[in-house]
Every structure is written in C-alpha cells, then in structure tokens.
Amino acid sequence: MGAAVTSIRPTMSKSEHTRVLTPAEYAQVALAAVSLNGLALRHVLLPYQTDAICRAAILHNPDALQFVCRQTEELCVLAVQRKWSALQFVATQTDAICRAAILENPDALEFVSLDSEELCLLAVRRKGSALQFVATQTPAIRATAIAQDPMAIRFCAERSAPLQFLAVAGNGLALEYCGAHTPELVAVAVAQNADAAALARLVRKCPSAEK
C-alpha cells in the first residue's frame, strides 16, 4: 500500500503561493490518491466522488465503501464480491448485494438485514455453520444446514428427533449436541463413528449436558 493520504484539498503549492486546483486537476489528484490508498476516499470532497473515483477506491480496498456518499447497487456488489464483510457498510441492502456477499463467503449472513429464507438457504447450503447467523430458523433451513454440516445442529434453536438422527448419521460426534441419547440414536452415531460411544457414555454421566 502507498503512503497514507491525510487530505485531498482543491489547492496545491506552486512556488511561494497557493493556487486553486481546477475541477479536472482535483479529480485527477483524487483518482491517483484512492488508487494508492482506497481509504483515502474519506478525504475526497462529495462533489468529486465520481463513479470512477469510488470504483478505484473500492478496487484497492473494498472497505472504502463506507466512505462512498452515493452508494449504488453496482458499487456495493463490486465491494462485497471482493470482501464479503464490506456488506456491513452497505446503506441499503438488496437481494443482489446480499447474494453476492454470501457467494463470496456464507458468513456474510451475519451482516444481512433482509429477512429472507432464500438467502439463508443460500448460505447454509454452502456452509452449515452459517446457521448461527439465521434469526428466523425454519425446518428447511435447519435441515439444509445439518445436511451440509452435521455439527451445525449445535446452532439449531429446536433439535427435533429427525434432525438429531440426520446429524449423527452424517457425523457420529454430533451426538454431543443432541439432547436425549436414546439407544437408537446412539446406535446410529456409533455406526458412523465408533468414537461416539465414548461420547455417549460421557453425556450419560452428566445429566445436565442433556438439557
């Protein structure tokens, strides 16, 4: 990264006096600055935050999105496609922006403000543990998350018997996060992973762990 830019003002030194930059000159200086340090966009005067300058800043550092005064869906998608966590800087989220962020990293669901089962499913299909960021869990979301990652059952708000069997069938060690260790459930878990037998005995000795 280049040297830190502390200010971009429409003046420049010339010999022993200061002259005002023309709009074209200022835009050129601003573009050069954000191309070297995207976060320098914070110092660019609002009238000069053109699409080209904002785009250059985001391409250098997607976190520059937080300093874009006139966010467009295109600029937001550009940012989250390069850094999913830039979603937290999006002023107005759309399905397209959230989808782009989730495709970059399902953990982006943490910053999604839209209440959309479709977006949640998109995330947990790719990473079951993203279930921890789902505010409204539906049976479909929970089942999809566990199918992708059996250990995601630890993030289930409700752990029904079918979900528990689904989890231990995929990973016997998921038995740790199942409430009632019935003989049938333990048998499925042990068949998948023999180490689950020791885990089952441990939980039985600690009734509080079944709550």
Protein backbone atom coordinates (compact mmCIF):
# COMPACT_ATOMS: atom_id res chain seq x y z
CA MET A 1 0.00 0.00 0.00
CA GLY A 2 1.14 3.52 -0.62
CA ALA A 3 1.77 6.22 1.93
CA ALA A 4 -1.23 7.33 3.95
CA VAL A 5 -3.19 10.20 2.46
CA THR A 6 -4.41 12.62 5.09
CA SER A 7 -6.22 15.14 2.92
CA ILE A 8 -7.19 15.90 -0.65
CA ARG A 9 -7.96 19.57 -0.91
CA PRO A 10 -8.56 21.63 -4.05
CA THR A 11 -5.35 23.64 -3.58
CA MET A 12 -1.74 22.96 -4.44
CA SER A 13 1.58 24.66 -3.77
CA LYS A 14 3.23 26.49 -6.58
CA SER A 15 6.42 28.40 -5.84
CA GLU A 16 5.63 30.68 -2.87
CA HIS A 17 1.89 30.88 -3.30
CA THR A 18 -1.09 28.55 -3.38
CA ARG A 19 -3.47 28.23 -6.27
CA VAL A 20 -6.83 26.57 -6.52
CA LEU A 21 -6.99 23.34 -8.49
CA THR A 22 -9.37 23.16 -11.38
CA PRO A 23 -12.09 20.51 -11.06
CA ALA A 24 -10.28 18.36 -13.61
CA GLU A 25 -7.00 18.63 -11.71
CA TYR A 26 -8.66 17.83 -8.39
CA ALA A 27 -10.36 14.78 -9.88
CA GLN A 28 -7.02 13.60 -11.25
CA VAL A 29 -5.32 14.01 -7.87
CA ALA A 30 -8.19 12.28 -6.07
CA LEU A 31 -8.15 9.34 -8.50
CA ALA A 32 -4.41 8.93 -8.05
CA ALA A 33 -4.78 9.05 -4.27
CA VAL A 34 -7.53 6.46 -3.94
CA SER A 35 -5.78 4.18 -6.40
CA LEU A 36 -2.87 4.06 -3.94
CA ASN A 37 -4.98 4.01 -0.78
CA GLY A 38 -8.65 3.22 -1.15
CA LEU A 39 -9.49 4.57 2.29
CA ALA A 40 -8.30 7.99 1.14
CA LEU A 41 -11.79 8.30 -0.31
CA ARG A 42 -12.84 9.67 3.07
CA HIS A 43 -10.94 12.86 2.19
CA VAL A 44 -12.45 13.35 -1.26
CA LEU A 45 -14.98 16.17 -1.33
CA LEU A 46 -18.52 14.98 -2.05
CA PRO A 47 -18.93 16.76 -5.41
CA TYR A 48 -15.86 14.91 -6.69
CA GLN A 49 -16.89 11.43 -5.61
CA THR A 50 -17.49 10.21 -9.13
CA ASP A 51 -18.27 6.63 -10.04
CA ALA A 52 -14.74 6.23 -11.41
CA ILE A 53 -13.10 7.51 -8.23
CA CYS A 54 -15.32 5.41 -5.96
CA ARG A 55 -14.72 2.35 -8.13
CA ALA A 56 -10.94 2.84 -8.00
CA ALA A 57 -11.08 3.19 -4.20
CA ILE A 58 -13.14 0.01 -3.81
CA LEU A 59 -10.89 -1.95 -6.15
CA HIS A 60 -7.93 -1.02 -3.96
CA ASN A 61 -9.74 -1.58 -0.67
CA PRO A 62 -13.39 -2.76 -0.54
CA ASP A 63 -13.75 -1.21 2.91
CA ALA A 64 -13.70 2.16 1.13
CA LEU A 65 -17.40 1.52 0.55
CA GLN A 66 -18.07 3.04 3.96
CA PHE A 67 -16.90 6.41 2.61
CA VAL A 68 -18.96 6.34 -0.59
CA CYS A 69 -21.58 9.04 -0.13
CA ARG A 70 -23.78 7.99 -3.05
CA GLN A 71 -23.80 4.21 -2.95
CA THR A 72 -25.16 2.36 -5.95
CA GLU A 73 -26.04 -1.32 -6.13
CA GLU A 74 -23.25 -1.80 -8.65
CA LEU A 75 -20.61 -0.29 -6.35
CA CYS A 76 -21.88 -2.30 -3.39
CA VAL A 77 -21.75 -5.55 -5.36
CA LEU A 78 -18.25 -4.67 -6.51
CA ALA A 79 -17.18 -4.26 -2.89
CA VAL A 80 -18.77 -7.37 -1.39
CA GLN A 81 -17.56 -9.57 -4.22
CA ARG A 82 -14.04 -8.67 -3.20
CA LYS A 83 -14.57 -8.63 0.56
CA TRP A 84 -17.78 -10.10 1.94
CA SER A 85 -17.54 -8.24 5.24
CA ALA A 86 -17.93 -4.95 3.34
CA LEU A 87 -21.63 -5.80 3.46
CA GLN A 88 -21.70 -4.14 6.86
CA PHE A 89 -21.07 -0.80 5.13
CA VAL A 90 -23.99 -1.08 2.70
CA ALA A 91 -26.57 1.58 3.49
CA THR A 92 -29.46 -0.05 1.63
CA GLN A 93 -29.20 -3.80 1.15
CA THR A 94 -30.78 -5.52 -1.83
CA ASP A 95 -31.17 -9.19 -2.66
CA ALA A 96 -28.46 -8.91 -5.32
CA ILE A 97 -25.95 -7.32 -2.94
CA CYS A 98 -26.59 -9.84 -0.17
CA ARG A 99 -26.44 -12.73 -2.61
CA ALA A 100 -23.07 -11.56 -3.95
CA ALA A 101 -21.67 -11.30 -0.43
CA ILE A 102 -22.94 -14.75 0.58
CA LEU A 103 -21.48 -16.31 -2.55
CA GLU A 104 -18.15 -14.78 -1.58
CA ASN A 105 -18.46 -16.16 1.96
CA PRO A 106 -21.58 -17.63 3.60
CA ASP A 107 -20.59 -15.97 6.89
CA ALA A 108 -21.72 -12.72 5.27
CA LEU A 109 -25.14 -13.76 6.51
CA GLU A 110 -24.08 -12.18 9.79
CA PHE A 111 -24.49 -8.75 8.18
CA VAL A 112 -27.63 -9.44 6.15
CA SER A 113 -30.54 -7.35 7.37
CA LEU A 114 -33.10 -8.75 4.92
CA ASP A 115 -35.43 -11.39 6.35
CA SER A 116 -35.17 -13.86 3.50
CA GLU A 117 -35.39 -17.64 3.76
CA GLU A 118 -33.90 -17.89 0.28
CA LEU A 119 -30.76 -16.01 1.31
CA CYS A 120 -30.46 -18.11 4.45
CA LEU A 121 -30.73 -21.30 2.43
CA LEU A 122 -28.12 -20.00 0.01
CA ALA A 123 -25.73 -19.52 2.92
CA VAL A 124 -26.29 -22.79 4.79
CA ARG A 125 -26.12 -24.84 1.60
CA ARG A 126 -22.54 -23.67 1.30
CA LYS A 127 -21.64 -23.60 4.98
CA GLY A 128 -23.87 -25.28 7.53
CA SER A 129 -22.41 -23.36 10.45
CA ALA A 130 -23.79 -20.15 8.93
CA LEU A 131 -26.96 -21.28 10.68
CA GLN A 132 -25.69 -19.40 13.72
CA PHE A 133 -26.49 -16.15 11.89
CA VAL A 134 -30.07 -17.08 10.98
CA ALA A 135 -32.54 -15.10 13.06
CA THR A 136 -35.64 -16.95 11.90
CA GLN A 137 -34.89 -20.65 11.56
CA THR A 138 -37.35 -22.69 9.52
CA PRO A 139 -37.36 -26.50 9.37
CA ALA A 140 -35.98 -26.30 5.83
CA ILE A 141 -33.10 -24.06 6.87
CA ARG A 142 -32.17 -26.28 9.81
CA ALA A 143 -32.32 -29.49 7.77
CA THR A 144 -30.28 -27.96 4.96
CA ALA A 145 -27.62 -26.72 7.36
CA ILE A 146 -27.26 -30.09 9.06
CA ALA A 147 -27.14 -31.91 5.72
CA GLN A 148 -24.20 -29.70 4.75
CA ASP A 149 -22.51 -29.87 8.15
CA PRO A 150 -23.91 -32.26 10.78
CA MET A 151 -22.19 -30.31 13.54
CA ALA A 152 -24.41 -27.34 12.68
CA ILE A 153 -27.02 -28.94 14.93
CA ARG A 154 -25.35 -27.07 17.78
CA PHE A 155 -26.80 -23.87 16.30
CA CYS A 156 -30.35 -25.22 15.97
CA ALA A 157 -32.92 -23.40 18.05
CA GLU A 158 -35.00 -26.58 18.02
CA ARG A 159 -33.42 -30.05 17.85
CA SER A 160 -36.14 -32.47 16.85
CA ALA A 161 -35.55 -36.21 16.75
CA PRO A 162 -35.38 -36.29 12.92
CA LEU A 163 -32.75 -33.54 12.97
CA GLN A 164 -30.72 -35.39 15.58
CA PHE A 165 -30.77 -38.58 13.52
CA LEU A 166 -29.82 -36.61 10.41
CA ALA A 167 -26.88 -35.10 12.28
CA VAL A 168 -25.43 -38.27 13.82
CA ALA A 169 -25.91 -40.18 10.56
CA GLY A 170 -23.60 -37.63 8.96
CA ASN A 171 -21.18 -37.31 11.85
CA GLY A 172 -21.46 -39.51 14.91
CA LEU A 173 -19.70 -36.92 17.03
CA ALA A 174 -22.70 -34.63 16.58
CA LEU A 175 -24.18 -36.77 19.36
CA GLU A 176 -22.56 -34.29 21.73
CA TYR A 177 -25.16 -31.69 20.74
CA CYS A 178 -28.18 -33.99 20.84
CA GLY A 179 -30.40 -33.89 23.88
CA ALA A 180 -31.88 -37.31 24.56
CA HIS A 181 -29.36 -40.09 23.89
CA THR A 182 -31.76 -42.89 23.05
CA PRO A 183 -30.32 -46.33 22.26
CA GLU A 184 -31.43 -45.91 18.65
CA LEU A 185 -29.72 -42.53 18.28
CA VAL A 186 -26.52 -43.80 19.89
CA ALA A 187 -26.52 -46.85 17.62
CA VAL A 188 -26.68 -44.64 14.51
CA ALA A 189 -23.95 -42.36 15.86
CA VAL A 190 -21.62 -45.25 16.75
CA ALA A 191 -22.20 -46.87 13.37
CA GLN A 192 -20.99 -43.67 11.75
CA ASN A 193 -18.11 -43.08 14.17
CA ALA A 194 -17.06 -45.55 16.85
CA ASP A 195 -15.72 -42.70 18.99
CA ALA A 196 -19.30 -41.61 19.57
CA ALA A 197 -19.67 -44.49 22.02
CA ALA A 198 -17.32 -42.84 24.47
CA LEU A 199 -19.11 -39.55 23.97
CA ALA A 200 -22.45 -41.15 24.72
CA ARG A 201 -21.17 -42.60 27.96
CA LEU A 202 -19.74 -39.22 28.95
CA VAL A 203 -23.03 -37.43 28.43
CA ARG A 204 -24.95 -40.06 30.34
CA LYS A 205 -22.74 -39.41 33.34
CA CYS A 206 -23.53 -35.69 33.10
CA PRO A 207 -27.36 -35.31 33.06
CA SER A 208 -27.01 -31.53 32.89
CA ALA A 209 -25.46 -31.86 29.44
CA GLU A 210 -28.72 -33.28 28.10
CA LYS A 211 -30.67 -30.11 28.77
